[in-house]
Amino acid sequence: GLKWNLTNQVLKFGTLVSTSNTYDGSGIVTIETDRPLLWT
């Protein structure tokens, strides 16, 4: 549901943080995470 989706990717400071993302127009975003993750 995002313009720049993630697939089993690592998110951490110094590696990758998903900022300035946007939507793909579907109206639904799904997120699966193995640790707490801040949505903004």
PDB file of all heavy atoms in Angstrom:
ATOM      1  N   GLY A   1       0.782  -1.224   0.000  1.00  0.00           N
ATOM      2  CA  GLY A   1       0.000   0.000   0.000  1.00  0.00           C
ATOM      3  C   GLY A   1       0.814   1.274   0.000  1.00  0.00           C
ATOM      4  O   GLY A   1       0.247   2.371  -0.032  1.00  0.00           O
ATOM      5  N   LEU A   2       2.136   1.151   0.044  1.00  0.00           N
ATOM      6  CA  LEU A   2       3.015   2.320   0.005  1.00  0.00           C
ATOM      7  C   LEU A   2       3.644   2.465  -1.381  1.00  0.00           C
ATOM      8  O   LEU A   2       3.753   1.496  -2.138  1.00  0.00           O
ATOM      9  CB  LEU A   2       4.124   2.190   1.046  1.00  0.00           C
ATOM     10  CG  LEU A   2       3.674   2.083   2.510  1.00  0.00           C
ATOM     11  CD1 LEU A   2       4.879   1.855   3.411  1.00  0.00           C
ATOM     12  CD2 LEU A   2       2.908   3.330   2.938  1.00  0.00           C
ATOM     13  N   LYS A   3       4.081   3.661  -1.703  1.00  0.00           N
ATOM     14  CA  LYS A   3       4.778   3.857  -2.971  1.00  0.00           C
ATOM     15  C   LYS A   3       6.092   3.097  -2.969  1.00  0.00           C
ATOM     16  O   LYS A   3       6.477   2.487  -3.965  1.00  0.00           O
ATOM     17  CB  LYS A   3       5.017   5.353  -3.209  1.00  0.00           C
ATOM     18  CG  LYS A   3       5.666   5.646  -4.554  1.00  0.00           C
ATOM     19  CD  LYS A   3       5.790   7.142  -4.815  1.00  0.00           C
ATOM     20  CE  LYS A   3       6.406   7.404  -6.184  1.00  0.00           C
ATOM     21  NZ  LYS A   3       6.512   8.867  -6.449  1.00  0.00           N
ATOM     22  N   TRP A   4       6.786   3.133  -1.820  1.00  0.00           N
ATOM     23  CA  TRP A   4       8.047   2.399  -1.683  1.00  0.00           C
ATOM     24  C   TRP A   4       7.861   1.346  -0.591  1.00  0.00           C
ATOM     25  O   TRP A   4       8.018   1.630   0.612  1.00  0.00           O
ATOM     26  CB  TRP A   4       9.192   3.349  -1.338  1.00  0.00           C
ATOM     27  CG  TRP A   4       9.490   4.280  -2.471  1.00  0.00           C
ATOM     28  CD1 TRP A   4      10.144   3.999  -3.630  1.00  0.00           C
ATOM     29  CD2 TRP A   4       9.120   5.666  -2.550  1.00  0.00           C
ATOM     30  NE1 TRP A   4      10.201   5.108  -4.434  1.00  0.00           N
ATOM     31  CE2 TRP A   4       9.585   6.151  -3.797  1.00  0.00           C
ATOM     32  CE3 TRP A   4       8.439   6.540  -1.702  1.00  0.00           C
ATOM     33  CZ2 TRP A   4       9.396   7.470  -4.212  1.00  0.00           C
ATOM     34  CZ3 TRP A   4       8.240   7.852  -2.109  1.00  0.00           C
ATOM     35  CH2 TRP A   4       8.714   8.305  -3.351  1.00  0.00           C
ATOM     36  N   ASN A   5       7.473   0.145  -1.002  1.00  0.00           N
ATOM     37  CA  ASN A   5       7.195  -0.929  -0.052  1.00  0.00           C
ATOM     38  C   ASN A   5       8.461  -1.620   0.409  1.00  0.00           C
ATOM     39  O   ASN A   5       9.531  -1.517  -0.223  1.00  0.00           O
ATOM     40  CB  ASN A   5       6.227  -1.938  -0.680  1.00  0.00           C
ATOM     41  CG  ASN A   5       4.793  -1.457  -0.641  1.00  0.00           C
ATOM     42  OD1 ASN A   5       4.285  -1.105   0.416  1.00  0.00           O
ATOM     43  ND2 ASN A   5       4.142  -1.420  -1.801  1.00  0.00           N
ATOM     44  N   LEU A   6       8.341  -2.318   1.514  1.00  0.00           N
ATOM     45  CA  LEU A   6       9.437  -3.080   2.096  1.00  0.00           C
ATOM     46  C   LEU A   6       9.083  -4.566   2.040  1.00  0.00           C
ATOM     47  O   LEU A   6       7.927  -4.934   2.244  1.00  0.00           O
ATOM     48  CB  LEU A   6       9.663  -2.662   3.548  1.00  0.00           C
ATOM     49  CG  LEU A   6       9.897  -1.169   3.796  1.00  0.00           C
ATOM     50  CD1 LEU A   6       9.764  -0.846   5.279  1.00  0.00           C
ATOM     51  CD2 LEU A   6      11.275  -0.749   3.278  1.00  0.00           C
ATOM     52  N   THR A   7      10.066  -5.400   1.793  1.00  0.00           N
ATOM     53  CA  THR A   7       9.851  -6.846   1.761  1.00  0.00           C
ATOM     54  C   THR A   7      10.910  -7.529   2.614  1.00  0.00           C
ATOM     55  O   THR A   7      12.080  -7.622   2.215  1.00  0.00           O
ATOM     56  CB  THR A   7       9.911  -7.404   0.324  1.00  0.00           C
ATOM     57  OG1 THR A   7       8.949  -6.702  -0.487  1.00  0.00           O
ATOM     58  CG2 THR A   7       9.583  -8.894   0.303  1.00  0.00           C
ATOM     59  N   ASN A   8      10.489  -7.937   3.823  1.00  0.00           N
ATOM     60  CA  ASN A   8      11.418  -8.591   4.764  1.00  0.00           C
ATOM     61  C   ASN A   8      12.695  -7.781   4.942  1.00  0.00           C
ATOM     62  O   ASN A   8      13.786  -8.344   5.039  1.00  0.00           O
ATOM     63  CB  ASN A   8      11.759 -10.009   4.292  1.00  0.00           C
ATOM     64  CG  ASN A   8      10.546 -10.912   4.280  1.00  0.00           C
ATOM     65  OD1 ASN A   8       9.701 -10.841   5.168  1.00  0.00           O
ATOM     66  ND2 ASN A   8      10.443 -11.748   3.257  1.00  0.00           N
ATOM     67  N   GLN A   9      12.559  -6.473   5.015  1.00  0.00           N
ATOM     68  CA  GLN A   9      13.738  -5.616   5.102  1.00  0.00           C
ATOM     69  C   GLN A   9      14.057  -5.214   6.535  1.00  0.00           C
ATOM     70  O   GLN A   9      13.183  -5.184   7.406  1.00  0.00           O
ATOM     71  CB  GLN A   9      13.551  -4.368   4.237  1.00  0.00           C
ATOM     72  CG  GLN A   9      13.766  -4.659   2.752  1.00  0.00           C
ATOM     73  CD  GLN A   9      13.637  -3.414   1.909  1.00  0.00           C
ATOM     74  OE1 GLN A   9      12.604  -3.163   1.299  1.00  0.00           O
ATOM     75  NE2 GLN A   9      14.699  -2.624   1.872  1.00  0.00           N
ATOM     76  N   VAL A  10      15.322  -4.916   6.761  1.00  0.00           N
ATOM     77  CA  VAL A  10      15.785  -4.427   8.056  1.00  0.00           C
ATOM     78  C   VAL A  10      15.588  -2.914   8.102  1.00  0.00           C
ATOM     79  O   VAL A  10      15.963  -2.196   7.175  1.00  0.00           O
ATOM     80  CB  VAL A  10      17.279  -4.760   8.269  1.00  0.00           C
ATOM     81  CG1 VAL A  10      17.798  -4.114   9.548  1.00  0.00           C
ATOM     82  CG2 VAL A  10      17.500  -6.266   8.299  1.00  0.00           C
ATOM     83  N   LEU A  11      14.964  -2.441   9.177  1.00  0.00           N
ATOM     84  CA  LEU A  11      14.880  -1.006   9.430  1.00  0.00           C
ATOM     85  C   LEU A  11      15.657  -0.715  10.701  1.00  0.00           C
ATOM     86  O   LEU A  11      15.340  -1.248  11.764  1.00  0.00           O
ATOM     87  CB  LEU A  11      13.424  -0.555   9.601  1.00  0.00           C
ATOM     88  CG  LEU A  11      12.516  -0.504   8.366  1.00  0.00           C
ATOM     89  CD1 LEU A  11      11.152   0.069   8.739  1.00  0.00           C
ATOM     90  CD2 LEU A  11      13.145   0.314   7.247  1.00  0.00           C
ATOM     91  N   LYS A  12      16.670   0.113  10.603  1.00  0.00           N
ATOM     92  CA  LYS A  12      17.399   0.561  11.779  1.00  0.00           C
ATOM     93  C   LYS A  12      18.215   1.784  11.412  1.00  0.00           C
ATOM     94  O   LYS A  12      18.588   1.992  10.252  1.00  0.00           O
ATOM     95  CB  LYS A  12      18.285  -0.538  12.363  1.00  0.00           C
ATOM     96  CG  LYS A  12      19.488  -0.937  11.539  1.00  0.00           C
ATOM     97  CD  LYS A  12      20.318  -1.970  12.310  1.00  0.00           C
ATOM     98  CE  LYS A  12      21.557  -2.383  11.538  1.00  0.00           C
ATOM     99  NZ  LYS A  12      22.380  -3.348  12.299  1.00  0.00           N
ATOM    100  N   PHE A  13      18.477   2.601  12.437  1.00  0.00           N
ATOM    101  CA  PHE A  13      19.253   3.805  12.208  1.00  0.00           C
ATOM    102  C   PHE A  13      20.660   3.425  11.755  1.00  0.00           C
ATOM    103  O   PHE A  13      21.289   2.518  12.311  1.00  0.00           O
ATOM    104  CB  PHE A  13      19.298   4.662  13.467  1.00  0.00           C
ATOM    105  CG  PHE A  13      18.013   5.413  13.718  1.00  0.00           C
ATOM    106  CD1 PHE A  13      17.023   4.867  14.506  1.00  0.00           C
ATOM    107  CD2 PHE A  13      17.805   6.654  13.132  1.00  0.00           C
ATOM    108  CE1 PHE A  13      15.831   5.554  14.720  1.00  0.00           C
ATOM    109  CE2 PHE A  13      16.626   7.343  13.334  1.00  0.00           C
ATOM    110  CZ  PHE A  13      15.630   6.796  14.130  1.00  0.00           C
ATOM    111  N   GLY A  14      21.147   4.120  10.740  1.00  0.00           N
ATOM    112  CA  GLY A  14      22.449   3.811  10.178  1.00  0.00           C
ATOM    113  C   GLY A  14      22.368   2.823   9.030  1.00  0.00           C
ATOM    114  O   GLY A  14      23.360   2.568   8.349  1.00  0.00           O
ATOM    115  N   THR A  15      21.173   2.261   8.807  1.00  0.00           N
ATOM    116  CA  THR A  15      20.976   1.323   7.700  1.00  0.00           C
ATOM    117  C   THR A  15      19.853   1.811   6.795  1.00  0.00           C
ATOM    118  O   THR A  15      20.085   2.224   5.670  1.00  0.00           O
ATOM    119  CB  THR A  15      20.651  -0.088   8.227  1.00  0.00           C
ATOM    120  OG1 THR A  15      21.748  -0.538   9.030  1.00  0.00           O
ATOM    121  CG2 THR A  15      20.459  -1.075   7.076  1.00  0.00           C
ATOM    122  N   LEU A  16      18.616   1.786   7.308  1.00  0.00           N
ATOM    123  CA  LEU A  16      17.472   2.251   6.527  1.00  0.00           C
ATOM    124  C   LEU A  16      16.346   2.688   7.455  1.00  0.00           C
ATOM    125  O   LEU A  16      16.014   1.977   8.414  1.00  0.00           O
ATOM    126  CB  LEU A  16      16.951   1.135   5.602  1.00  0.00           C
ATOM    127  CG  LEU A  16      15.702   1.456   4.775  1.00  0.00           C
ATOM    128  CD1 LEU A  16      15.988   2.557   3.747  1.00  0.00           C
ATOM    129  CD2 LEU A  16      15.178   0.208   4.071  1.00  0.00           C
ATOM    130  N   VAL A  17      15.807   3.861   7.176  1.00  0.00           N
ATOM    131  CA  VAL A  17      14.609   4.354   7.859  1.00  0.00           C
ATOM    132  C   VAL A  17      13.656   4.825   6.767  1.00  0.00           C
ATOM    133  O   VAL A  17      14.062   5.538   5.854  1.00  0.00           O
ATOM    134  CB  VAL A  17      14.934   5.515   8.823  1.00  0.00           C
ATOM    135  CG1 VAL A  17      13.666   6.108   9.402  1.00  0.00           C
ATOM    136  CG2 VAL A  17      15.845   5.027   9.947  1.00  0.00           C
ATOM    137  N   SER A  18      12.391   4.420   6.845  1.00  0.00           N
ATOM    138  CA  SER A  18      11.425   4.763   5.804  1.00  0.00           C
ATOM    139  C   SER A  18      10.757   6.091   6.128  1.00  0.00           C
ATOM    140  O   SER A  18       9.707   6.148   6.757  1.00  0.00           O
ATOM    141  CB  SER A  18      10.363   3.664   5.665  1.00  0.00           C
ATOM    142  OG  SER A  18       9.409   4.016   4.675  1.00  0.00           O
ATOM    143  N   THR A  19      11.355   7.189   5.684  1.00  0.00           N
ATOM    144  CA  THR A  19      10.766   8.520   5.839  1.00  0.00           C
ATOM    145  C   THR A  19      10.382   9.050   4.466  1.00  0.00           C
ATOM    146  O   THR A  19      10.846   8.547   3.435  1.00  0.00           O
ATOM    147  CB  THR A  19      11.743   9.499   6.504  1.00  0.00           C
ATOM    148  OG1 THR A  19      12.937   9.577   5.704  1.00  0.00           O
ATOM    149  CG2 THR A  19      12.113   9.046   7.907  1.00  0.00           C
ATOM    150  N   SER A  20       9.521  10.071   4.454  1.00  0.00           N
ATOM    151  CA  SER A  20       9.064  10.691   3.196  1.00  0.00           C
ATOM    152  C   SER A  20       8.511   9.665   2.218  1.00  0.00           C
ATOM    153  O   SER A  20       8.675   9.795   1.004  1.00  0.00           O
ATOM    154  CB  SER A  20      10.198  11.489   2.543  1.00  0.00           C
ATOM    155  OG  SER A  20      10.634  12.517   3.396  1.00  0.00           O
ATOM    156  N   ASN A  21       7.864   8.636   2.765  1.00  0.00           N
ATOM    157  CA  ASN A  21       7.163   7.678   1.919  1.00  0.00           C
ATOM    158  C   ASN A  21       5.781   8.255   1.602  1.00  0.00           C
ATOM    159  O   ASN A  21       5.411   9.312   2.101  1.00  0.00           O
ATOM    160  CB  ASN A  21       7.045   6.335   2.636  1.00  0.00           C
ATOM    161  CG  ASN A  21       7.053   5.152   1.677  1.00  0.00           C
ATOM    162  OD1 ASN A  21       6.513   5.231   0.570  1.00  0.00           O
ATOM    163  ND2 ASN A  21       7.665   4.049   2.089  1.00  0.00           N
ATOM    164  N   THR A  22       5.001   7.573   0.782  1.00  0.00           N
ATOM    165  CA  THR A  22       3.648   8.003   0.480  1.00  0.00           C
ATOM    166  C   THR A  22       2.831   6.771   0.100  1.00  0.00           C
ATOM    167  O   THR A  22       3.321   5.630   0.201  1.00  0.00           O
ATOM    168  CB  THR A  22       3.633   9.083  -0.619  1.00  0.00           C
ATOM    169  OG1 THR A  22       2.312   9.648  -0.711  1.00  0.00           O
ATOM    170  CG2 THR A  22       4.061   8.529  -1.964  1.00  0.00           C
ATOM    171  N   TYR A  23       1.592   6.970  -0.335  1.00  0.00           N
ATOM    172  CA  TYR A  23       0.674   5.860  -0.556  1.00  0.00           C
ATOM    173  C   TYR A  23       0.569   5.507  -2.044  1.00  0.00           C
ATOM    174  O   TYR A  23       0.864   6.332  -2.907  1.00  0.00           O
ATOM    175  CB  TYR A  23      -0.706   6.223  -0.013  1.00  0.00           C
ATOM    176  CG  TYR A  23      -0.672   6.752   1.405  1.00  0.00           C
ATOM    177  CD1 TYR A  23      -0.824   8.110   1.666  1.00  0.00           C
ATOM    178  CD2 TYR A  23      -0.449   5.899   2.473  1.00  0.00           C
ATOM    179  CE1 TYR A  23      -0.781   8.602   2.966  1.00  0.00           C
ATOM    180  CE2 TYR A  23      -0.401   6.388   3.774  1.00  0.00           C
ATOM    181  CZ  TYR A  23      -0.568   7.740   4.011  1.00  0.00           C
ATOM    182  OH  TYR A  23      -0.504   8.217   5.291  1.00  0.00           O
ATOM    183  N   ASP A  24       0.109   4.281  -2.310  1.00  0.00           N
ATOM    184  CA  ASP A  24      -0.038   3.862  -3.707  1.00  0.00           C
ATOM    185  C   ASP A  24      -1.446   4.099  -4.253  1.00  0.00           C
ATOM    186  O   ASP A  24      -1.741   3.765  -5.404  1.00  0.00           O
ATOM    187  CB  ASP A  24       0.349   2.383  -3.881  1.00  0.00           C
ATOM    188  CG  ASP A  24      -0.629   1.421  -3.198  1.00  0.00           C
ATOM    189  OD1 ASP A  24      -1.628   1.868  -2.613  1.00  0.00           O
ATOM    190  OD2 ASP A  24      -0.370   0.191  -3.259  1.00  0.00           O
ATOM    191  N   GLY A  25      -2.329   4.680  -3.418  1.00  0.00           N
ATOM    192  CA  GLY A  25      -3.675   5.000  -3.866  1.00  0.00           C
ATOM    193  C   GLY A  25      -4.715   3.942  -3.571  1.00  0.00           C
ATOM    194  O   GLY A  25      -5.910   4.137  -3.830  1.00  0.00           O
ATOM    195  N   SER A  26      -4.312   2.820  -2.991  1.00  0.00           N
ATOM    196  CA  SER A  26      -5.246   1.730  -2.694  1.00  0.00           C
ATOM    197  C   SER A  26      -6.125   2.024  -1.485  1.00  0.00           C
ATOM    198  O   SER A  26      -7.186   1.423  -1.317  1.00  0.00           O
ATOM    199  CB  SER A  26      -4.477   0.421  -2.457  1.00  0.00           C
ATOM    200  OG  SER A  26      -3.673   0.531  -1.286  1.00  0.00           O
ATOM    201  N   GLY A  27      -5.669   2.946  -0.626  1.00  0.00           N
ATOM    202  CA  GLY A  27      -6.442   3.292   0.562  1.00  0.00           C
ATOM    203  C   GLY A  27      -6.180   2.402   1.759  1.00  0.00           C
ATOM    204  O   GLY A  27      -6.735   2.621   2.830  1.00  0.00           O
ATOM    205  N   ILE A  28      -5.343   1.403   1.606  1.00  0.00           N
ATOM    206  CA  ILE A  28      -5.010   0.481   2.702  1.00  0.00           C
ATOM    207  C   ILE A  28      -3.506   0.253   2.721  1.00  0.00           C
ATOM    208  O   ILE A  28      -2.884  -0.006   1.684  1.00  0.00           O
ATOM    209  CB  ILE A  28      -5.744  -0.861   2.546  1.00  0.00           C
ATOM    210  CG1 ILE A  28      -7.253  -0.678   2.728  1.00  0.00           C
ATOM    211  CG2 ILE A  28      -5.228  -1.882   3.563  1.00  0.00           C
ATOM    212  CD1 ILE A  28      -8.069  -1.930   2.503  1.00  0.00           C
ATOM    213  N   VAL A  29      -2.926   0.349   3.905  1.00  0.00           N
ATOM    214  CA  VAL A  29      -1.513   0.018   4.102  1.00  0.00           C
ATOM    215  C   VAL A  29      -1.443  -1.174   5.047  1.00  0.00           C
ATOM    216  O   VAL A  29      -2.072  -1.160   6.111  1.00  0.00           O
ATOM    217  CB  VAL A  29      -0.738   1.204   4.710  1.00  0.00           C
ATOM    218  CG1 VAL A  29       0.695   0.798   5.066  1.00  0.00           C
ATOM    219  CG2 VAL A  29      -0.728   2.384   3.745  1.00  0.00           C
ATOM    220  N   THR A  30      -0.713  -2.205   4.665  1.00  0.00           N
ATOM    221  CA  THR A  30      -0.475  -3.322   5.580  1.00  0.00           C
ATOM    222  C   THR A  30       0.993  -3.313   5.983  1.00  0.00           C
ATOM    223  O   THR A  30       1.878  -3.004   5.176  1.00  0.00           O
ATOM    224  CB  THR A  30      -0.831  -4.687   4.960  1.00  0.00           C
ATOM    225  OG1 THR A  30       0.090  -4.988   3.904  1.00  0.00           O
ATOM    226  CG2 THR A  30      -2.257  -4.691   4.428  1.00  0.00           C
ATOM    227  N   ILE A  31       1.227  -3.629   7.235  1.00  0.00           N
ATOM    228  CA  ILE A  31       2.581  -3.620   7.791  1.00  0.00           C
ATOM    229  C   ILE A  31       2.743  -4.858   8.662  1.00  0.00           C
ATOM    230  O   ILE A  31       1.905  -5.127   9.529  1.00  0.00           O
ATOM    231  CB  ILE A  31       2.832  -2.365   8.650  1.00  0.00           C
ATOM    232  CG1 ILE A  31       2.602  -1.092   7.830  1.00  0.00           C
ATOM    233  CG2 ILE A  31       4.254  -2.375   9.240  1.00  0.00           C
ATOM    234  CD1 ILE A  31       2.374   0.151   8.664  1.00  0.00           C
ATOM    235  N   GLU A  32       3.794  -5.598   8.425  1.00  0.00           N
ATOM    236  CA  GLU A  32       4.148  -6.718   9.292  1.00  0.00           C
ATOM    237  C   GLU A  32       5.552  -6.470   9.821  1.00  0.00           C
ATOM    238  O   GLU A  32       6.482  -6.244   9.045  1.00  0.00           O
ATOM    239  CB  GLU A  32       4.082  -8.048   8.551  1.00  0.00           C
ATOM    240  CG  GLU A  32       4.334  -9.252   9.453  1.00  0.00           C
ATOM    241  CD  GLU A  32       4.057 -10.590   8.798  1.00  0.00           C
ATOM    242  OE1 GLU A  32       3.736 -10.601   7.593  1.00  0.00           O
ATOM    243  OE2 GLU A  32       4.165 -11.626   9.494  1.00  0.00           O
ATOM    244  N   THR A  33       5.681  -6.472  11.143  1.00  0.00           N
ATOM    245  CA  THR A  33       6.965  -6.160  11.766  1.00  0.00           C
ATOM    246  C   THR A  33       7.283  -7.138  12.890  1.00  0.00           C
ATOM    247  O   THR A  33       6.370  -7.648  13.545  1.00  0.00           O
ATOM    248  CB  THR A  33       6.976  -4.704  12.295  1.00  0.00           C
ATOM    249  OG1 THR A  33       8.228  -4.440  12.951  1.00  0.00           O
ATOM    250  CG2 THR A  33       5.854  -4.466  13.295  1.00  0.00           C
ATOM    251  N   ASP A  34       8.557  -7.392  13.097  1.00  0.00           N
ATOM    252  CA  ASP A  34       8.957  -8.324  14.160  1.00  0.00           C
ATOM    253  C   ASP A  34       9.255  -7.610  15.469  1.00  0.00           C
ATOM    254  O   ASP A  34       9.417  -8.245  16.507  1.00  0.00           O
ATOM    255  CB  ASP A  34      10.192  -9.133  13.729  1.00  0.00           C
ATOM    256  CG  ASP A  34      11.426  -8.271  13.544  1.00  0.00           C
ATOM    257  OD1 ASP A  34      11.284  -7.085  13.161  1.00  0.00           O
ATOM    258  OD2 ASP A  34      12.545  -8.765  13.777  1.00  0.00           O
ATOM    259  N   ARG A  35       9.326  -6.273  15.436  1.00  0.00           N
ATOM    260  CA  ARG A  35       9.604  -5.474  16.627  1.00  0.00           C
ATOM    261  C   ARG A  35       8.704  -4.240  16.631  1.00  0.00           C
ATOM    262  O   ARG A  35       8.166  -3.865  15.603  1.00  0.00           O
ATOM    263  CB  ARG A  35      11.076  -5.027  16.656  1.00  0.00           C
ATOM    264  CG  ARG A  35      12.106  -6.155  16.645  1.00  0.00           C
ATOM    265  CD  ARG A  35      12.063  -7.003  17.911  1.00  0.00           C
ATOM    266  NE  ARG A  35      12.330  -6.232  19.109  1.00  0.00           N
ATOM    267  CZ  ARG A  35      13.544  -5.930  19.559  1.00  0.00           C
ATOM    268  NH1 ARG A  35      14.618  -6.312  18.885  1.00  0.00           N
ATOM    269  NH2 ARG A  35      13.686  -5.249  20.676  1.00  0.00           N
ATOM    270  N   PRO A  36       8.558  -3.567  17.778  1.00  0.00           N
ATOM    271  CA  PRO A  36       7.775  -2.326  17.780  1.00  0.00           C
ATOM    272  C   PRO A  36       8.310  -1.342  16.745  1.00  0.00           C
ATOM    273  O   PRO A  36       9.524  -1.179  16.583  1.00  0.00           O
ATOM    274  CB  PRO A  36       7.976  -1.800  19.207  1.00  0.00           C
ATOM    275  CG  PRO A  36       8.225  -3.025  20.031  1.00  0.00           C
ATOM    276  CD  PRO A  36       9.038  -3.927  19.143  1.00  0.00           C
ATOM    277  N   LEU A  37       7.381  -0.675  16.048  1.00  0.00           N
ATOM    278  CA  LEU A  37       7.744   0.190  14.921  1.00  0.00           C
ATOM    279  C   LEU A  37       6.830   1.411  14.930  1.00  0.00           C
ATOM    280  O   LEU A  37       5.609   1.267  15.014  1.00  0.00           O
ATOM    281  CB  LEU A  37       7.592  -0.587  13.608  1.00  0.00           C
ATOM    282  CG  LEU A  37       7.944   0.105  12.302  1.00  0.00           C
ATOM    283  CD1 LEU A  37       9.409   0.536  12.271  1.00  0.00           C
ATOM    284  CD2 LEU A  37       7.651  -0.842  11.128  1.00  0.00           C
ATOM    285  N   LEU A  38       7.413   2.588  14.847  1.00  0.00           N
ATOM    286  CA  LEU A  38       6.636   3.818  14.917  1.00  0.00           C
ATOM    287  C   LEU A  38       6.082   4.178  13.533  1.00  0.00           C
ATOM    288  O   LEU A  38       6.838   4.312  12.573  1.00  0.00           O
ATOM    289  CB  LEU A  38       7.510   4.972  15.432  1.00  0.00           C
ATOM    290  CG  LEU A  38       6.758   6.232  15.849  1.00  0.00           C
ATOM    291  CD1 LEU A  38       6.043   6.008  17.185  1.00  0.00           C
ATOM    292  CD2 LEU A  38       7.709   7.417  15.959  1.00  0.00           C
ATOM    293  N   TRP A  39       4.755   4.289  13.459  1.00  0.00           N
ATOM    294  CA  TRP A  39       4.091   4.758  12.239  1.00  0.00           C
ATOM    295  C   TRP A  39       3.814   6.246  12.382  1.00  0.00           C
ATOM    296  O   TRP A  39       3.340   6.701  13.423  1.00  0.00           O
ATOM    297  CB  TRP A  39       2.768   4.014  12.050  1.00  0.00           C
ATOM    298  CG  TRP A  39       1.846   4.625  11.019  1.00  0.00           C
ATOM    299  CD1 TRP A  39       0.750   5.396  11.281  1.00  0.00           C
ATOM    300  CD2 TRP A  39       1.948   4.520   9.594  1.00  0.00           C
ATOM    301  NE1 TRP A  39       0.144   5.776  10.101  1.00  0.00           N
ATOM    302  CE2 TRP A  39       0.860   5.253   9.049  1.00  0.00           C
ATOM    303  CE3 TRP A  39       2.836   3.888   8.737  1.00  0.00           C
ATOM    304  CZ2 TRP A  39       0.654   5.363   7.674  1.00  0.00           C
ATOM    305  CZ3 TRP A  39       2.622   3.996   7.362  1.00  0.00           C
ATOM    306  CH2 TRP A  39       1.553   4.717   6.848  1.00  0.00           C
ATOM    307  N   THR A  40       4.138   7.010  11.333  1.00  0.00           N
ATOM    308  CA  THR A  40       3.823   8.429  11.337  1.00  0.00           C
ATOM    309  C   THR A  40       3.201   8.793  10.004  1.00  0.00           C
ATOM    310  O   THR A  40       3.508   8.192   8.974  1.00  0.00           O
ATOM    311  CB  THR A  40       5.091   9.289  11.602  1.00  0.00           C
ATOM    312  OG1 THR A  40       4.721  10.665  11.674  1.00  0.00           O
ATOM    313  CG2 THR A  40       6.155   9.091  10.543  1.00  0.00           C
TER     314      THR A  40
END
